[in-house]
C-alpha cells in the first residue's frame, strides 16, 4: 500500500491509495500509529485515493483512532468516495469518526 505524507500547518496529512483490507490493514495501521507516536498530533487521513475499506481496514482505523486519542492526538477523515462512505455506513462506523468533504475542510476543523 502506498501512503503519501505531508505536514500542513502542523497537521499530518496521510494519503493512502488503494483498498484497505486484510492484505493492507496492518501496513496502514502501522503508518498511522507512526504519525501519532509523538503524541498531541493532529492527523487528516485523505481517503480520496481509497477504493474500499474492508472489515480489517475499519478495525485498523478504529485501533489507530483509539491509540491517537489515548496519546492526546486526533484523527479525522476527509474525501471519502460514495463507495467508501457506504463501507462506513454499512458497518456502523460513520459516527465514530469526524468526516469532512476534503482536506481543506478537515484542516479548517482542526485549526487551533
PDB file of N, CA and C in Angstrom:
ATOM      1  N   UNK A   1       0.845  -1.173   0.000  1.00  0.00           N
ATOM      2  CA  UNK A   1       0.000   0.000   0.000  1.00  0.00           C
ATOM      3  C   UNK A   1       0.886   1.230   0.000  1.00  0.00           C
ATOM      4  N   UNK A   2       0.567   2.158  -0.856  1.00  0.00           N
ATOM      5  CA  UNK A   2       1.293   3.421  -0.932  1.00  0.00           C
ATOM      6  C   UNK A   2       0.581   4.450  -0.055  1.00  0.00           C
ATOM      7  N   UNK A   3       1.332   5.089   0.835  1.00  0.00           N
ATOM      8  CA  UNK A   3       0.769   6.126   1.704  1.00  0.00           C
ATOM      9  C   UNK A   3       1.690   7.337   1.639  1.00  0.00           C
ATOM     10  N   UNK A   4       1.198   8.399   1.046  1.00  0.00           N
ATOM     11  CA  UNK A   4       1.949   9.651   0.969  1.00  0.00           C
ATOM     12  C   UNK A   4       1.695  10.444   2.245  1.00  0.00           C
ATOM     13  N   UNK A   5       2.660  11.271   2.625  1.00  0.00           N
ATOM     14  CA  UNK A   5       2.527  12.088   3.828  1.00  0.00           C
ATOM     15  C   UNK A   5       3.037  13.493   3.572  1.00  0.00           C
ATOM     16  N   UNK A   6       2.352  14.448   4.147  1.00  0.00           N
ATOM     17  CA  UNK A   6       2.819  15.834   4.160  1.00  0.00           C
ATOM     18  C   UNK A   6       2.355  16.457   5.464  1.00  0.00           C
ATOM     19  N   UNK A   7       2.997  17.544   5.829  1.00  0.00           N
ATOM     20  CA  UNK A   7       2.580  18.294   7.012  1.00  0.00           C
ATOM     21  C   UNK A   7       2.156  19.675   6.557  1.00  0.00           C
ATOM     22  N   UNK A   8       0.955  20.057   6.962  1.00  0.00           N
ATOM     23  CA  UNK A   8       0.419  21.364   6.594  1.00  0.00           C
ATOM     24  C   UNK A   8      -0.075  22.063   7.853  1.00  0.00           C
ATOM     25  N   UNK A   9       0.526  23.205   8.147  1.00  0.00           N
ATOM     26  CA  UNK A   9       0.143  23.984   9.329  1.00  0.00           C
ATOM     27  C   UNK A   9       0.163  23.139  10.600  1.00  0.00           C
ATOM     28  N   UNK A  10       1.161  22.277  10.727  1.00  0.00           N
ATOM     29  CA  UNK A  10       1.294  21.452  11.912  1.00  0.00           C
ATOM     30  C   UNK A  10       0.402  20.224  11.941  1.00  0.00           C
ATOM     31  N   UNK A  11      -0.331  19.974  10.866  1.00  0.00           N
ATOM     32  CA  UNK A  11      -1.217  18.816  10.781  1.00  0.00           C
ATOM     33  C   UNK A  11      -0.611  17.809   9.808  1.00  0.00           C
ATOM     34  N   UNK A  12      -0.532  16.553  10.223  1.00  0.00           N
ATOM     35  CA  UNK A  12      -0.039  15.497   9.351  1.00  0.00           C
ATOM     36  C   UNK A  12      -1.185  15.052   8.446  1.00  0.00           C
ATOM     37  N   UNK A  13      -0.940  15.072   7.138  1.00  0.00           N
ATOM     38  CA  UNK A  13      -1.929  14.605   6.166  1.00  0.00           C
ATOM     39  C   UNK A  13      -1.396  13.319   5.546  1.00  0.00           C
ATOM     40  N   UNK A  14      -2.138  12.234   5.745  1.00  0.00           N
ATOM     41  CA  UNK A  14      -1.782  10.947   5.161  1.00  0.00           C
ATOM     42  C   UNK A  14      -2.719  10.665   4.001  1.00  0.00           C
ATOM     43  N   UNK A  15      -2.148  10.176   2.887  1.00  0.00           N
ATOM     44  CA  UNK A  15      -2.940   9.894   1.690  1.00  0.00           C
ATOM     45  C   UNK A  15      -2.715   8.441   1.247  1.00  0.00           C
ATOM     46  N   UNK A  16      -3.483   7.514   1.814  1.00  0.00           N
ATOM     47  CA  UNK A  16      -3.364   6.128   1.365  1.00  0.00           C
ATOM     48  C   UNK A  16      -4.000   5.968  -0.013  1.00  0.00           C
ATOM     49  N   UNK A  17      -3.504   4.996  -0.768  1.00  0.00           N
ATOM     50  CA  UNK A  17      -4.070   4.713  -2.088  1.00  0.00           C
ATOM     51  C   UNK A  17      -4.356   3.223  -2.190  1.00  0.00           C
ATOM     52  N   UNK A  18      -5.498   2.900  -2.758  1.00  0.00           N
ATOM     53  CA  UNK A  18      -5.892   1.507  -2.925  1.00  0.00           C
ATOM     54  C   UNK A  18      -6.952   1.100  -1.928  1.00  0.00           C
ATOM     55  N   UNK A  19      -7.061  -0.179  -1.733  1.00  0.00           N
ATOM     56  CA  UNK A  19      -8.061  -0.725  -0.815  1.00  0.00           C
ATOM     57  C   UNK A  19      -7.403  -1.012   0.539  1.00  0.00           C
ATOM     58  N   UNK A  20      -8.112  -0.685   1.618  1.00  0.00           N
ATOM     59  CA  UNK A  20      -7.632  -1.013   2.963  1.00  0.00           C
ATOM     60  C   UNK A  20      -8.426  -2.231   3.414  1.00  0.00           C
ATOM     61  N   UNK A  21      -7.768  -3.377   3.369  1.00  0.00           N
ATOM     62  CA  UNK A  21      -8.435  -4.638   3.697  1.00  0.00           C
ATOM     63  C   UNK A  21      -7.455  -5.546   4.432  1.00  0.00           C
ATOM     64  N   UNK A  22      -7.766  -6.829   4.509  1.00  0.00           N
ATOM     65  CA  UNK A  22      -6.919  -7.743   5.279  1.00  0.00           C
ATOM     66  C   UNK A  22      -5.492  -7.810   4.747  1.00  0.00           C
ATOM     67  N   UNK A  23      -5.290  -7.519   3.490  1.00  0.00           N
ATOM     68  CA  UNK A  23      -3.947  -7.553   2.925  1.00  0.00           C
ATOM     69  C   UNK A  23      -3.126  -6.303   3.175  1.00  0.00           C
ATOM     70  N   UNK A  24      -3.776  -5.197   3.489  1.00  0.00           N
ATOM     71  CA  UNK A  24      -3.070  -3.922   3.639  1.00  0.00           C
ATOM     72  C   UNK A  24      -3.300  -3.234   4.980  1.00  0.00           C
ATOM     73  N   UNK A  25      -4.235  -3.728   5.766  1.00  0.00           N
ATOM     74  CA  UNK A  25      -4.625  -3.048   7.008  1.00  0.00           C
ATOM     75  C   UNK A  25      -3.465  -2.912   7.993  1.00  0.00           C
ATOM     76  N   UNK A  26      -2.625  -3.936   8.104  1.00  0.00           N
ATOM     77  CA  UNK A  26      -1.513  -3.872   9.071  1.00  0.00           C
ATOM     78  C   UNK A  26      -0.531  -2.771   8.700  1.00  0.00           C
ATOM     79  N   UNK A  27      -0.216  -2.640   7.415  1.00  0.00           N
ATOM     80  CA  UNK A  27       0.692  -1.581   6.957  1.00  0.00           C
ATOM     81  C   UNK A  27       0.066  -0.212   7.216  1.00  0.00           C
ATOM     82  N   UNK A  28      -1.213  -0.101   6.908  1.00  0.00           N
ATOM     83  CA  UNK A  28      -1.924   1.163   7.112  1.00  0.00           C
ATOM     84  C   UNK A  28      -1.939   1.533   8.597  1.00  0.00           C
ATOM     85  N   UNK A  29      -2.311   0.587   9.443  1.00  0.00           N
ATOM     86  CA  UNK A  29      -2.391   0.860  10.885  1.00  0.00           C
ATOM     87  C   UNK A  29      -1.029   1.257  11.443  1.00  0.00           C
ATOM     88  N   UNK A  30       0.017   0.583  11.006  1.00  0.00           N
ATOM     89  CA  UNK A  30       1.364   0.909  11.469  1.00  0.00           C
ATOM     90  C   UNK A  30       1.756   2.324  11.055  1.00  0.00           C
ATOM     91  N   UNK A  31       1.427   2.698   9.840  1.00  0.00           N
ATOM     92  CA  UNK A  31       1.783   4.033   9.338  1.00  0.00           C
ATOM     93  C   UNK A  31       1.051   5.120  10.105  1.00  0.00           C
ATOM     94  N   UNK A  32      -0.228   4.914  10.396  1.00  0.00           N
ATOM     95  CA  UNK A  32      -0.993   5.894  11.181  1.00  0.00           C
ATOM     96  C   UNK A  32      -0.439   5.954  12.597  1.00  0.00           C
ATOM     97  N   UNK A  33      -0.100   4.800  13.169  1.00  0.00           N
ATOM     98  CA  UNK A  33       0.482   4.766  14.518  1.00  0.00           C
ATOM     99  C   UNK A  33       1.790   5.546  14.565  1.00  0.00           C
ATOM    100  N   UNK A  34       2.602   5.436  13.513  1.00  0.00           N
ATOM    101  CA  UNK A  34       3.851   6.200  13.453  1.00  0.00           C
ATOM    102  C   UNK A  34       3.570   7.699  13.434  1.00  0.00           C
ATOM    103  N   UNK A  35       2.529   8.096  12.747  1.00  0.00           N
ATOM    104  CA  UNK A  35       2.200   9.519  12.642  1.00  0.00           C
ATOM    105  C   UNK A  35       1.803  10.106  13.988  1.00  0.00           C
ATOM    106  N   UNK A  36       1.146   9.310  14.827  1.00  0.00           N
ATOM    107  CA  UNK A  36       0.675   9.831  16.114  1.00  0.00           C
ATOM    108  C   UNK A  36       1.601   9.461  17.271  1.00  0.00           C
ATOM    109  N   UNK A  37       2.696   8.760  16.989  1.00  0.00           N
ATOM    110  CA  UNK A  37       3.592   8.293  18.052  1.00  0.00           C
ATOM    111  C   UNK A  37       4.152   9.430  18.896  1.00  0.00           C
ATOM    112  N   UNK A  38       4.336  10.589  18.309  1.00  0.00           N
ATOM    113  CA  UNK A  38       4.891  11.712  19.056  1.00  0.00           C
ATOM    114  C   UNK A  38       3.897  12.285  20.060  1.00  0.00           C
ATOM    115  N   UNK A  39       2.634  11.981  19.894  1.00  0.00           N
ATOM    116  CA  UNK A  39       1.599  12.484  20.799  1.00  0.00           C
ATOM    117  C   UNK A  39       1.172  13.897  20.461  1.00  0.00           C
ATOM    118  N   UNK A  40      -0.052  14.217  20.823  1.00  0.00           N
ATOM    119  CA  UNK A  40      -0.648  15.530  20.591  1.00  0.00           C
ATOM    120  C   UNK A  40      -0.473  15.998  19.145  1.00  0.00           C
ATOM    121  N   UNK A  41      -0.707  15.080  18.233  1.00  0.00           N
ATOM    122  CA  UNK A  41      -0.600  15.355  16.808  1.00  0.00           C
ATOM    123  C   UNK A  41      -2.005  15.351  16.211  1.00  0.00           C
ATOM    124  N   UNK A  42      -2.216  16.242  15.280  1.00  0.00           N
ATOM    125  CA  UNK A  42      -3.475  16.244  14.542  1.00  0.00           C
ATOM    126  C   UNK A  42      -3.213  15.589  13.189  1.00  0.00           C
ATOM    127  N   UNK A  43      -4.076  14.625  12.817  1.00  0.00           N
ATOM    128  CA  UNK A  43      -3.876  13.860  11.594  1.00  0.00           C
ATOM    129  C   UNK A  43      -5.146  13.885  10.752  1.00  0.00           C
ATOM    130  N   UNK A  44      -4.966  14.187   9.473  1.00  0.00           N
ATOM    131  CA  UNK A  44      -6.038  14.053   8.493  1.00  0.00           C
ATOM    132  C   UNK A  44      -5.690  12.860   7.627  1.00  0.00           C
ATOM    133  N   UNK A  45      -6.622  11.929   7.484  1.00  0.00           N
ATOM    134  CA  UNK A  45      -6.436  10.833   6.548  1.00  0.00           C
ATOM    135  C   UNK A  45      -7.296  11.149   5.336  1.00  0.00           C
ATOM    136  N   UNK A  46      -6.630  11.480   4.229  1.00  0.00           N
ATOM    137  CA  UNK A  46      -7.312  11.807   2.975  1.00  0.00           C
ATOM    138  C   UNK A  46      -7.676  10.493   2.304  1.00  0.00           C
ATOM    139  N   UNK A  47      -8.942  10.154   2.344  1.00  0.00           N
ATOM    140  CA  UNK A  47      -9.422   8.878   1.827  1.00  0.00           C
ATOM    141  C   UNK A  47      -9.765   8.947   0.334  1.00  0.00           C
ATOM    142  N   UNK A  48      -9.438  10.048  -0.313  1.00  0.00           N
ATOM    143  CA  UNK A  48      -9.779  10.230  -1.721  1.00  0.00           C
ATOM    144  C   UNK A  48      -9.195   9.176  -2.643  1.00  0.00           C
ATOM    145  N   UNK A  49      -8.051   8.608  -2.296  1.00  0.00           N
ATOM    146  CA  UNK A  49      -7.420   7.582  -3.119  1.00  0.00           C
ATOM    147  C   UNK A  49      -7.751   6.167  -2.690  1.00  0.00           C
ATOM    148  N   UNK A  50      -8.643   6.025  -1.717  1.00  0.00           N
ATOM    149  CA  UNK A  50      -9.014   4.707  -1.201  1.00  0.00           C
ATOM    150  C   UNK A  50     -10.237   4.198  -1.964  1.00  0.00           C
ATOM    151  N   UNK A  51     -10.114   3.014  -2.538  1.00  0.00           N
ATOM    152  CA  UNK A  51     -11.200   2.465  -3.344  1.00  0.00           C
ATOM    153  C   UNK A  51     -12.213   1.672  -2.529  1.00  0.00           C
ATOM    154  N   UNK A  52     -11.837   1.240  -1.345  1.00  0.00           N
ATOM    155  CA  UNK A  52     -12.746   0.493  -0.482  1.00  0.00           C
ATOM    156  C   UNK A  52     -12.083   0.197   0.845  1.00  0.00           C
ATOM    157  N   UNK A  53     -12.921  -0.114   1.845  1.00  0.00           N
ATOM    158  CA  UNK A  53     -12.412  -0.435   3.179  1.00  0.00           C
ATOM    159  C   UNK A  53     -13.129  -1.688   3.655  1.00  0.00           C
ATOM    160  N   UNK A  54     -12.356  -2.743   3.873  1.00  0.00           N
ATOM    161  CA  UNK A  54     -12.911  -3.981   4.395  1.00  0.00           C
ATOM    162  C   UNK A  54     -12.975  -3.947   5.913  1.00  0.00           C
ATOM    163  N   UNK A  55     -13.441  -5.034   6.502  1.00  0.00           N
ATOM    164  CA  UNK A  55     -13.583  -5.072   7.958  1.00  0.00           C
ATOM    165  C   UNK A  55     -12.233  -4.920   8.657  1.00  0.00           C
ATOM    166  N   UNK A  56     -11.178  -5.496   8.092  1.00  0.00           N
ATOM    167  CA  UNK A  56      -9.848  -5.344   8.694  1.00  0.00           C
ATOM    168  C   UNK A  56      -9.382  -3.890   8.606  1.00  0.00           C
ATOM    169  N   UNK A  57      -9.729  -3.220   7.523  1.00  0.00           N
ATOM    170  CA  UNK A  57      -9.392  -1.801   7.375  1.00  0.00           C
ATOM    171  C   UNK A  57     -10.137  -0.939   8.375  1.00  0.00           C
ATOM    172  N   UNK A  58     -11.406  -1.232   8.567  1.00  0.00           N
ATOM    173  CA  UNK A  58     -12.196  -0.492   9.556  1.00  0.00           C
ATOM    174  C   UNK A  58     -11.625  -0.699  10.951  1.00  0.00           C
ATOM    175  N   UNK A  59     -11.257  -1.942  11.250  1.00  0.00           N
ATOM    176  CA  UNK A  59     -10.664  -2.238  12.557  1.00  0.00           C
ATOM    177  C   UNK A  59      -9.361  -1.467  12.730  1.00  0.00           C
ATOM    178  N   UNK A  60      -8.537  -1.415  11.694  1.00  0.00           N
ATOM    179  CA  UNK A  60      -7.258  -0.713  11.806  1.00  0.00           C
ATOM    180  C   UNK A  60      -7.478   0.781  12.041  1.00  0.00           C
ATOM    181  N   UNK A  61      -8.483   1.351  11.397  1.00  0.00           N
ATOM    182  CA  UNK A  61      -8.817   2.763  11.637  1.00  0.00           C
ATOM    183  C   UNK A  61      -9.281   2.978  13.073  1.00  0.00           C
ATOM    184  N   UNK A  62     -10.107   2.070  13.560  1.00  0.00           N
ATOM    185  CA  UNK A  62     -10.608   2.178  14.929  1.00  0.00           C
ATOM    186  C   UNK A  62      -9.464   2.072  15.934  1.00  0.00           C
ATOM    187  N   UNK A  63      -8.572   1.118  15.740  1.00  0.00           N
ATOM    188  CA  UNK A  63      -7.439   0.953  16.647  1.00  0.00           C
ATOM    189  C   UNK A  63      -6.525   2.176  16.603  1.00  0.00           C
ATOM    190  N   UNK A  64      -6.264   2.690  15.410  1.00  0.00           N
ATOM    191  CA  UNK A  64      -5.419   3.875  15.279  1.00  0.00           C
ATOM    192  C   UNK A  64      -6.058   5.068  15.975  1.00  0.00           C
ATOM    193  N   UNK A  65      -7.360   5.203  15.826  1.00  0.00           N
ATOM    194  CA  UNK A  65      -8.067   6.308  16.462  1.00  0.00           C
ATOM    195  C   UNK A  65      -8.010   6.199  17.986  1.00  0.00           C
ATOM    196  N   UNK A  66      -8.175   4.993  18.501  1.00  0.00           N
ATOM    197  CA  UNK A  66      -8.105   4.792  19.959  1.00  0.00           C
ATOM    198  C   UNK A  66      -6.709   5.127  20.490  1.00  0.00           C
ATOM    199  N   UNK A  67      -5.678   4.662  19.780  1.00  0.00           N
ATOM    200  CA  UNK A  67      -4.302   4.971  20.193  1.00  0.00           C
ATOM    201  C   UNK A  67      -4.045   6.472  20.155  1.00  0.00           C
ATOM    202  N   UNK A  68      -4.521   7.094  19.104  1.00  0.00           N
ATOM    203  CA  UNK A  68      -4.318   8.536  18.959  1.00  0.00           C
ATOM    204  C   UNK A  68      -4.984   9.275  20.112  1.00  0.00           C
ATOM    205  N   UNK A  69      -6.225   8.932  20.377  1.00  0.00           N
ATOM    206  CA  UNK A  69      -6.970   9.602  21.445  1.00  0.00           C
ATOM    207  C   UNK A  69      -6.263   9.423  22.782  1.00  0.00           C
ATOM    208  N   UNK A  70      -5.786   8.212  23.056  1.00  0.00           N
ATOM    209  CA  UNK A  70      -5.100   7.939  24.322  1.00  0.00           C
ATOM    210  C   UNK A  70      -3.825   8.762  24.467  1.00  0.00           C
ATOM    211  N   UNK A  71      -3.195   9.081  23.337  1.00  0.00           N
ATOM    212  CA  UNK A  71      -1.956   9.857  23.378  1.00  0.00           C
ATOM    213  C   UNK A  71      -2.151  11.345  23.202  1.00  0.00           C
ATOM    214  N   UNK A  72      -3.407  11.791  23.181  1.00  0.00           N
ATOM    215  CA  UNK A  72      -3.682  13.214  23.023  1.00  0.00           C
ATOM    216  C   UNK A  72      -3.713  13.682  21.582  1.00  0.00           C
ATOM    217  N   UNK A  73      -3.708  12.741  20.642  1.00  0.00           N
ATOM    218  CA  UNK A  73      -3.775  13.097  19.225  1.00  0.00           C
ATOM    219  C   UNK A  73      -5.207  13.004  18.729  1.00  0.00           C
ATOM    220  N   UNK A  74      -5.413  13.500  17.530  1.00  0.00           N
ATOM    221  CA  UNK A  74      -6.753  13.481  16.946  1.00  0.00           C
ATOM    222  C   UNK A  74      -6.650  13.091  15.479  1.00  0.00           C
ATOM    223  N   UNK A  75      -7.514  12.194  15.029  1.00  0.00           N
ATOM    224  CA  UNK A  75      -7.559  11.759  13.635  1.00  0.00           C
ATOM    225  C   UNK A  75      -8.925  12.103  13.059  1.00  0.00           C
ATOM    226  N   UNK A  76      -8.923  12.716  11.885  1.00  0.00           N
ATOM    227  CA  UNK A  76     -10.161  12.960  11.153  1.00  0.00           C
ATOM    228  C   UNK A  76      -9.983  12.430   9.730  1.00  0.00           C
ATOM    229  N   UNK A  77     -11.096  12.142   9.090  1.00  0.00           N
ATOM    230  CA  UNK A  77     -11.087  11.611   7.735  1.00  0.00           C
ATOM    231  C   UNK A  77     -11.586  12.670   6.763  1.00  0.00           C
ATOM    232  N   UNK A  78     -11.105  12.586   5.527  1.00  0.00           N
ATOM    233  CA  UNK A  78     -11.521  13.542   4.502  1.00  0.00           C
ATOM    234  C   UNK A  78     -11.630  12.848   3.150  1.00  0.00           C
ATOM    235  N   UNK A  79     -12.503  13.377   2.304  1.00  0.00           N
ATOM    236  CA  UNK A  79     -12.574  12.968   0.916  1.00  0.00           C
ATOM    237  C   UNK A  79     -13.063  11.558   0.656  1.00  0.00           C
ATOM    238  N   UNK A  80     -13.957  11.059   1.470  1.00  0.00           N
ATOM    239  CA  UNK A  80     -14.462   9.705   1.260  1.00  0.00           C
ATOM    240  C   UNK A  80     -15.327   9.656  -0.001  1.00  0.00           C
ATOM    241  N   UNK A  81     -15.059   8.684  -0.854  1.00  0.00           N
ATOM    242  CA  UNK A  81     -15.898   8.479  -2.035  1.00  0.00           C
ATOM    243  C   UNK A  81     -17.235   7.902  -1.568  1.00  0.00           C
ATOM    244  N   UNK A  82     -18.273   7.950  -2.415  1.00  0.00           N
ATOM    245  CA  UNK A  82     -19.549   7.331  -2.020  1.00  0.00           C
ATOM    246  C   UNK A  82     -19.409   5.850  -1.655  1.00  0.00           C
ATOM    247  N   UNK A  83     -18.558   5.115  -2.364  1.00  0.00           N
ATOM    248  CA  UNK A  83     -18.378   3.686  -2.070  1.00  0.00           C
ATOM    249  C   UNK A  83     -17.741   3.481  -0.700  1.00  0.00           C
ATOM    250  N   UNK A  84     -16.735   4.272  -0.387  1.00  0.00           N
ATOM    251  CA  UNK A  84     -16.070   4.156   0.920  1.00  0.00           C
ATOM    252  C   UNK A  84     -17.014   4.617   2.018  1.00  0.00           C
ATOM    253  N   UNK A  85     -17.769   5.650   1.758  1.00  0.00           N
ATOM    254  CA  UNK A  85     -18.755   6.119   2.750  1.00  0.00           C
ATOM    255  C   UNK A  85     -19.774   5.019   3.044  1.00  0.00           C
ATOM    256  N   UNK A  86     -20.178   4.274   2.011  1.00  0.00           N
ATOM    257  CA  UNK A  86     -21.104   3.152   2.215  1.00  0.00           C
ATOM    258  C   UNK A  86     -20.469   2.083   3.110  1.00  0.00           C
ATOM    259  N   UNK A  87     -19.167   1.835   2.927  1.00  0.00           N
ATOM    260  CA  UNK A  87     -18.482   0.872   3.794  1.00  0.00           C
ATOM    261  C   UNK A  87     -18.604   1.292   5.254  1.00  0.00           C
ATOM    262  N   UNK A  88     -18.444   2.576   5.520  1.00  0.00           N
ATOM    263  CA  UNK A  88     -18.567   3.094   6.885  1.00  0.00           C
ATOM    264  C   UNK A  88     -20.019   3.036   7.365  1.00  0.00           C
ATOM    265  N   UNK A  89     -20.945   3.425   6.513  1.00  0.00           N
ATOM    266  CA  UNK A  89     -22.364   3.410   6.886  1.00  0.00           C
ATOM    267  C   UNK A  89     -22.846   1.998   7.198  1.00  0.00           C
ATOM    268  N   UNK A  90     -22.493   1.054   6.340  1.00  0.00           N
ATOM    269  CA  UNK A  90     -22.926  -0.335   6.493  1.00  0.00           C
ATOM    270  C   UNK A  90     -22.406  -0.947   7.785  1.00  0.00           C
ATOM    271  N   UNK A  91     -21.192  -0.600   8.140  1.00  0.00           N
ATOM    272  CA  UNK A  91     -20.574  -1.173   9.335  1.00  0.00           C
ATOM    273  C   UNK A  91     -20.960  -0.442  10.621  1.00  0.00           C
ATOM    274  N   UNK A  92     -21.596   0.706  10.491  1.00  0.00           N
ATOM    275  CA  UNK A  92     -21.943   1.491  11.674  1.00  0.00           C
ATOM    276  C   UNK A  92     -20.798   2.345  12.193  1.00  0.00           C
ATOM    277  N   UNK A  93     -19.746   2.507  11.388  1.00  0.00           N
ATOM    278  CA  UNK A  93     -18.575   3.276  11.808  1.00  0.00           C
ATOM    279  C   UNK A  93     -18.691   4.768  11.508  1.00  0.00           C
ATOM    280  N   UNK A  94     -19.718   5.174  10.806  1.00  0.00           N
ATOM    281  CA  UNK A  94     -19.836   6.575  10.394  1.00  0.00           C
ATOM    282  C   UNK A  94     -19.778   7.528  11.586  1.00  0.00           C
ATOM    283  N   UNK A  95     -20.458   7.205  12.658  1.00  0.00           N
ATOM    284  CA  UNK A  95     -20.498   8.079  13.817  1.00  0.00           C
ATOM    285  C   UNK A  95     -19.239   8.064  14.668  1.00  0.00           C
ATOM    286  N   UNK A  96     -18.305   7.177  14.359  1.00  0.00           N
ATOM    287  CA  UNK A  96     -17.094   7.064  15.163  1.00  0.00           C
ATOM    288  C   UNK A  96     -15.983   8.015  14.731  1.00  0.00           C
ATOM    289  N   UNK A  97     -16.120   8.598  13.548  1.00  0.00           N
ATOM    290  CA  UNK A  97     -15.071   9.455  13.002  1.00  0.00           C
ATOM    291  C   UNK A  97     -15.647  10.776  12.518  1.00  0.00           C
ATOM    292  N   UNK A  98     -14.877  11.840  12.728  1.00  0.00           N
ATOM    293  CA  UNK A  98     -15.228  13.119  12.107  1.00  0.00           C
ATOM    294  C   UNK A  98     -14.852  12.982  10.633  1.00  0.00           C
ATOM    295  N   UNK A  99     -15.813  13.278   9.756  1.00  0.00           N
ATOM    296  CA  UNK A  99     -15.596  13.153   8.318  1.00  0.00           C
ATOM    297  C   UNK A  99     -15.846  14.492   7.651  1.00  0.00           C
ATOM    298  N   UNK A 100     -14.942  14.845   6.745  1.00  0.00           N
ATOM    299  CA  UNK A 100     -15.029  16.129   6.063  1.00  0.00           C
ATOM    300  C   UNK A 100     -14.986  15.915   4.557  1.00  0.00           C
ATOM    301  N   UNK A 101     -15.552  16.847   3.821  1.00  0.00           N
ATOM    302  CA  UNK A 101     -15.658  16.724   2.373  1.00  0.00           C
ATOM    303  C   UNK A 101     -14.297  16.627   1.696  1.00  0.00           C
ATOM    304  N   UNK A 102     -13.329  17.381   2.202  1.00  0.00           N
ATOM    305  CA  UNK A 102     -11.997  17.376   1.597  1.00  0.00           C
ATOM    306  C   UNK A 102     -10.953  17.759   2.645  1.00  0.00           C
ATOM    307  N   UNK A 103      -9.705  17.718   2.238  1.00  0.00           N
ATOM    308  CA  UNK A 103      -8.610  18.007   3.174  1.00  0.00           C
ATOM    309  C   UNK A 103      -8.699  19.428   3.701  1.00  0.00           C
ATOM    310  N   UNK A 104      -9.036  20.375   2.840  1.00  0.00           N
ATOM    311  CA  UNK A 104      -9.124  21.777   3.280  1.00  0.00           C
ATOM    312  C   UNK A 104     -10.142  21.939   4.413  1.00  0.00           C
ATOM    313  N   UNK A 105     -11.313  21.295   4.272  1.00  0.00           N
ATOM    314  CA  UNK A 105     -12.318  21.379   5.316  1.00  0.00           C
ATOM    315  C   UNK A 105     -11.837  20.710   6.606  1.00  0.00           C
ATOM    316  N   UNK A 106     -11.121  19.598   6.463  1.00  0.00           N
ATOM    317  CA  UNK A 106     -10.581  18.898   7.637  1.00  0.00           C
ATOM    318  C   UNK A 106      -9.537  19.762   8.350  1.00  0.00           C
ATOM    319  N   UNK A 107      -8.669  20.402   7.561  1.00  0.00           N
ATOM    320  CA  UNK A 107      -7.652  21.272   8.173  1.00  0.00           C
ATOM    321  C   UNK A 107      -8.299  22.432   8.909  1.00  0.00           C
ATOM    322  N   UNK A 108      -9.330  22.963   8.322  1.00  0.00           N
ATOM    323  CA  UNK A 108     -10.044  24.078   8.969  1.00  0.00           C
ATOM    324  C   UNK A 108     -10.662  23.613  10.287  1.00  0.00           C
ATOM    325  N   UNK A 109     -11.223  22.418  10.301  1.00  0.00           N
ATOM    326  CA  UNK A 109     -11.838  21.886  11.520  1.00  0.00           C
ATOM    327  C   UNK A 109     -10.806  21.613  12.610  1.00  0.00           C
ATOM    328  N   UNK A 110      -9.578  21.306  12.216  1.00  0.00           N
ATOM    329  CA  UNK A 110      -8.519  21.017  13.184  1.00  0.00           C
ATOM    330  C   UNK A 110      -7.713  22.241  13.600  1.00  0.00           C
ATOM    331  N   UNK A 111      -8.018  23.376  13.012  1.00  0.00           N
ATOM    332  CA  UNK A 111      -7.259  24.586  13.340  1.00  0.00           C
ATOM    333  C   UNK A 111      -7.397  24.906  14.824  1.00  0.00           C
ATOM    334  N   UNK A 112      -6.277  25.337  15.451  1.00  0.00           N
ATOM    335  CA  UNK A 112      -6.334  25.650  16.896  1.00  0.00           C
ATOM    336  C   UNK A 112      -7.186  26.881  17.171  1.00  0.00           C
TER     337      UNK A 112
END
